[in-house]
Amino acid sequence: MDTKLTLRLDKTVILQAKEYARTHQTSISSLVEAYLALLTRSEPGSHPINPTVRQLTGVIDLKKADLDQENYREHLAKKYQ
């Protein structure tokens, strides 16, 4: 069931929202509804971690990965001088 809601917004924001809605072929009501639905979803971190992601956690040594990237940058710099 749809219910009417009155909002007070800055005129510039309203004009920008109307233009955005027009270019994306939607309504401001749909935009506001989608945004509020996104905001009211469950809190971050409340979703269980995918088992595959859990298995991969810690596989890459980030310090070594940063070092490897630096070595690769140096390699490319020498290669394309």
N, C-alpha and C. Protein backbone atom coordinates (compact mmCIF):
# COMPACT_ATOMS: atom_id res chain seq x y z
N MET A 1 0.84 -1.17 0.00
CA MET A 1 0.00 0.00 0.00
C MET A 1 0.89 1.24 0.00
N ASP A 2 0.66 2.14 -0.92
CA ASP A 2 1.42 3.38 -1.00
C ASP A 2 0.80 4.42 -0.07
N THR A 3 1.66 5.18 0.58
CA THR A 3 1.24 6.24 1.49
C THR A 3 1.93 7.52 1.10
N LYS A 4 1.21 8.61 1.17
CA LYS A 4 1.76 9.91 0.80
C LYS A 4 2.70 10.42 1.89
N LEU A 5 3.80 11.07 1.47
CA LEU A 5 4.79 11.63 2.38
C LEU A 5 5.17 13.01 1.85
N THR A 6 5.17 13.99 2.72
CA THR A 6 5.57 15.34 2.33
C THR A 6 6.99 15.60 2.83
N LEU A 7 7.85 16.08 1.94
CA LEU A 7 9.23 16.38 2.30
C LEU A 7 9.52 17.85 2.01
N ARG A 8 10.37 18.45 2.81
CA ARG A 8 10.84 19.80 2.56
C ARG A 8 12.32 19.70 2.20
N LEU A 9 12.63 20.11 0.97
CA LEU A 9 14.00 20.00 0.47
C LEU A 9 14.41 21.31 -0.18
N ASP A 10 15.70 21.51 -0.27
CA ASP A 10 16.26 22.66 -0.96
C ASP A 10 15.80 22.65 -2.42
N LYS A 11 15.43 23.82 -2.93
CA LYS A 11 14.91 23.92 -4.30
C LYS A 11 15.90 23.39 -5.33
N THR A 12 17.19 23.66 -5.14
CA THR A 12 18.21 23.19 -6.07
C THR A 12 18.26 21.66 -6.09
N VAL A 13 18.15 21.05 -4.92
CA VAL A 13 18.17 19.59 -4.83
C VAL A 13 16.96 19.01 -5.56
N ILE A 14 15.81 19.65 -5.40
CA ILE A 14 14.59 19.18 -6.08
C ILE A 14 14.76 19.25 -7.59
N LEU A 15 15.30 20.36 -8.08
CA LEU A 15 15.50 20.51 -9.53
C LEU A 15 16.48 19.47 -10.06
N GLN A 16 17.56 19.24 -9.32
CA GLN A 16 18.54 18.23 -9.73
C GLN A 16 17.92 16.84 -9.71
N ALA A 17 17.11 16.57 -8.70
CA ALA A 17 16.46 15.26 -8.59
C ALA A 17 15.48 15.05 -9.73
N LYS A 18 14.75 16.08 -10.10
CA LYS A 18 13.80 15.98 -11.22
C LYS A 18 14.55 15.68 -12.52
N GLU A 19 15.66 16.36 -12.73
CA GLU A 19 16.46 16.13 -13.93
C GLU A 19 17.02 14.71 -13.95
N TYR A 20 17.53 14.28 -12.80
CA TYR A 20 18.05 12.91 -12.70
C TYR A 20 16.96 11.90 -12.99
N ALA A 21 15.80 12.08 -12.38
CA ALA A 21 14.68 11.16 -12.59
C ALA A 21 14.27 11.14 -14.06
N ARG A 22 14.23 12.30 -14.68
CA ARG A 22 13.83 12.37 -16.09
C ARG A 22 14.83 11.63 -16.97
N THR A 23 16.12 11.84 -16.73
CA THR A 23 17.13 11.20 -17.59
C THR A 23 17.21 9.69 -17.35
N HIS A 24 16.77 9.25 -16.16
CA HIS A 24 16.79 7.81 -15.85
C HIS A 24 15.41 7.17 -15.97
N GLN A 25 14.48 7.93 -16.54
CA GLN A 25 13.12 7.45 -16.81
C GLN A 25 12.49 6.81 -15.57
N THR A 26 12.50 7.56 -14.48
CA THR A 26 11.89 7.10 -13.24
C THR A 26 11.25 8.30 -12.56
N SER A 27 10.69 8.11 -11.39
CA SER A 27 10.08 9.20 -10.65
C SER A 27 10.90 9.51 -9.40
N ILE A 28 10.71 10.70 -8.88
CA ILE A 28 11.38 11.06 -7.64
C ILE A 28 10.90 10.15 -6.52
N SER A 29 9.62 9.82 -6.52
CA SER A 29 9.09 8.91 -5.49
C SER A 29 9.82 7.57 -5.52
N SER A 30 10.05 7.05 -6.72
CA SER A 30 10.77 5.78 -6.84
C SER A 30 12.20 5.90 -6.35
N LEU A 31 12.84 7.03 -6.66
CA LEU A 31 14.21 7.25 -6.20
C LEU A 31 14.28 7.31 -4.68
N VAL A 32 13.37 8.07 -4.07
CA VAL A 32 13.36 8.20 -2.61
C VAL A 32 13.06 6.85 -1.97
N GLU A 33 12.09 6.13 -2.52
CA GLU A 33 11.74 4.82 -1.97
C GLU A 33 12.93 3.86 -2.04
N ALA A 34 13.61 3.83 -3.17
CA ALA A 34 14.77 2.94 -3.32
C ALA A 34 15.88 3.32 -2.35
N TYR A 35 16.10 4.62 -2.17
CA TYR A 35 17.16 5.09 -1.26
C TYR A 35 16.82 4.73 0.18
N LEU A 36 15.58 4.96 0.58
CA LEU A 36 15.19 4.65 1.95
C LEU A 36 15.23 3.14 2.20
N ALA A 37 14.87 2.35 1.21
CA ALA A 37 14.94 0.90 1.34
C ALA A 37 16.40 0.47 1.53
N LEU A 38 17.30 1.10 0.79
CA LEU A 38 18.73 0.79 0.92
C LEU A 38 19.24 1.16 2.31
N LEU A 39 18.83 2.31 2.81
CA LEU A 39 19.28 2.75 4.13
C LEU A 39 18.79 1.85 5.26
N THR A 40 17.62 1.31 5.10
CA THR A 40 17.01 0.55 6.19
C THR A 40 17.27 -0.94 6.11
N ARG A 41 18.10 -1.37 5.17
CA ARG A 41 18.49 -2.78 5.13
C ARG A 41 19.31 -3.10 6.37
N SER A 42 19.55 -4.37 6.59
CA SER A 42 20.30 -4.78 7.79
C SER A 42 21.68 -4.13 7.80
N GLU A 43 22.22 -4.00 8.99
CA GLU A 43 23.50 -3.34 9.20
C GLU A 43 24.64 -4.10 8.52
N PRO A 44 25.68 -3.38 8.06
CA PRO A 44 26.85 -4.05 7.49
C PRO A 44 27.47 -4.99 8.51
N GLY A 45 27.94 -6.10 8.04
CA GLY A 45 28.56 -7.07 8.92
C GLY A 45 27.58 -8.08 9.49
N SER A 46 26.28 -7.85 9.25
CA SER A 46 25.29 -8.78 9.79
C SER A 46 25.05 -9.95 8.84
N HIS A 47 25.60 -9.86 7.64
CA HIS A 47 25.45 -10.95 6.68
C HIS A 47 26.54 -11.99 6.91
N PRO A 48 26.20 -13.26 6.80
CA PRO A 48 27.24 -14.28 6.98
C PRO A 48 28.25 -14.23 5.83
N ILE A 49 29.48 -14.55 6.15
CA ILE A 49 30.53 -14.57 5.13
C ILE A 49 30.42 -15.85 4.33
N ASN A 50 30.48 -15.70 3.01
CA ASN A 50 30.42 -16.83 2.10
C ASN A 50 31.56 -17.80 2.43
N PRO A 51 31.29 -19.12 2.47
CA PRO A 51 32.34 -20.08 2.82
C PRO A 51 33.58 -20.00 1.94
N THR A 52 33.40 -19.72 0.67
CA THR A 52 34.54 -19.60 -0.23
C THR A 52 35.40 -18.41 0.16
N VAL A 53 34.76 -17.30 0.49
CA VAL A 53 35.50 -16.11 0.92
C VAL A 53 36.22 -16.40 2.23
N ARG A 54 35.56 -17.09 3.14
CA ARG A 54 36.18 -17.43 4.42
C ARG A 54 37.43 -18.28 4.20
N GLN A 55 37.38 -19.22 3.24
CA GLN A 55 38.54 -20.07 2.96
C GLN A 55 39.70 -19.26 2.39
N LEU A 56 39.39 -18.21 1.64
CA LEU A 56 40.44 -17.41 1.00
C LEU A 56 41.04 -16.37 1.93
N THR A 57 40.41 -16.11 3.05
CA THR A 57 40.89 -15.10 3.98
C THR A 57 42.30 -15.45 4.47
N GLY A 58 43.24 -14.53 4.27
CA GLY A 58 44.60 -14.72 4.73
C GLY A 58 45.50 -15.42 3.74
N VAL A 59 44.99 -15.79 2.56
CA VAL A 59 45.79 -16.50 1.57
C VAL A 59 46.90 -15.61 1.02
N ILE A 60 46.60 -14.35 0.82
CA ILE A 60 47.58 -13.43 0.24
C ILE A 60 48.25 -12.64 1.36
N ASP A 61 49.56 -12.64 1.35
CA ASP A 61 50.32 -11.81 2.28
C ASP A 61 50.39 -10.41 1.68
N LEU A 62 49.64 -9.48 2.26
CA LEU A 62 49.53 -8.15 1.67
C LEU A 62 50.85 -7.41 1.63
N LYS A 63 51.70 -7.61 2.62
CA LYS A 63 53.01 -6.95 2.60
C LYS A 63 53.82 -7.44 1.41
N LYS A 64 53.78 -8.74 1.15
CA LYS A 64 54.50 -9.31 0.02
C LYS A 64 53.87 -8.86 -1.29
N ALA A 65 52.55 -8.78 -1.33
CA ALA A 65 51.86 -8.34 -2.55
C ALA A 65 52.25 -6.91 -2.89
N ASP A 66 52.35 -6.03 -1.89
CA ASP A 66 52.78 -4.65 -2.14
C ASP A 66 54.20 -4.63 -2.68
N LEU A 67 55.07 -5.46 -2.14
CA LEU A 67 56.45 -5.54 -2.60
C LEU A 67 56.49 -6.03 -4.04
N ASP A 68 55.69 -7.05 -4.36
CA ASP A 68 55.64 -7.57 -5.72
C ASP A 68 55.17 -6.50 -6.70
N GLN A 69 54.21 -5.69 -6.29
CA GLN A 69 53.72 -4.62 -7.17
C GLN A 69 54.81 -3.60 -7.42
N GLU A 70 55.56 -3.27 -6.39
CA GLU A 70 56.66 -2.32 -6.55
C GLU A 70 57.72 -2.87 -7.50
N ASN A 71 58.06 -4.15 -7.35
CA ASN A 71 59.03 -4.79 -8.24
C ASN A 71 58.52 -4.78 -9.68
N TYR A 72 57.23 -5.02 -9.85
CA TYR A 72 56.65 -5.04 -11.19
C TYR A 72 56.67 -3.64 -11.81
N ARG A 73 56.39 -2.62 -11.00
CA ARG A 73 56.46 -1.24 -11.50
C ARG A 73 57.88 -0.92 -11.97
N GLU A 74 58.85 -1.31 -11.17
CA GLU A 74 60.25 -1.08 -11.54
C GLU A 74 60.59 -1.82 -12.83
N HIS A 75 60.12 -3.03 -12.97
CA HIS A 75 60.35 -3.82 -14.18
C HIS A 75 59.76 -3.10 -15.40
N LEU A 76 58.52 -2.61 -15.26
CA LEU A 76 57.88 -1.92 -16.38
C LEU A 76 58.60 -0.62 -16.72
N ALA A 77 59.05 0.10 -15.69
CA ALA A 77 59.76 1.35 -15.92
C ALA A 77 61.04 1.10 -16.72
N LYS A 78 61.77 0.05 -16.37
CA LYS A 78 62.99 -0.28 -17.09
C LYS A 78 62.68 -0.76 -18.51
N LYS A 79 61.62 -1.54 -18.64
CA LYS A 79 61.25 -2.12 -19.93
C LYS A 79 60.86 -1.05 -20.93
N TYR A 80 60.16 -0.01 -20.48
CA TYR A 80 59.64 0.99 -21.41
C TYR A 80 60.39 2.31 -21.38
N GLN A 81 61.67 2.30 -20.98
CA GLN A 81 62.47 3.52 -21.00
C GLN A 81 62.84 3.89 -22.39
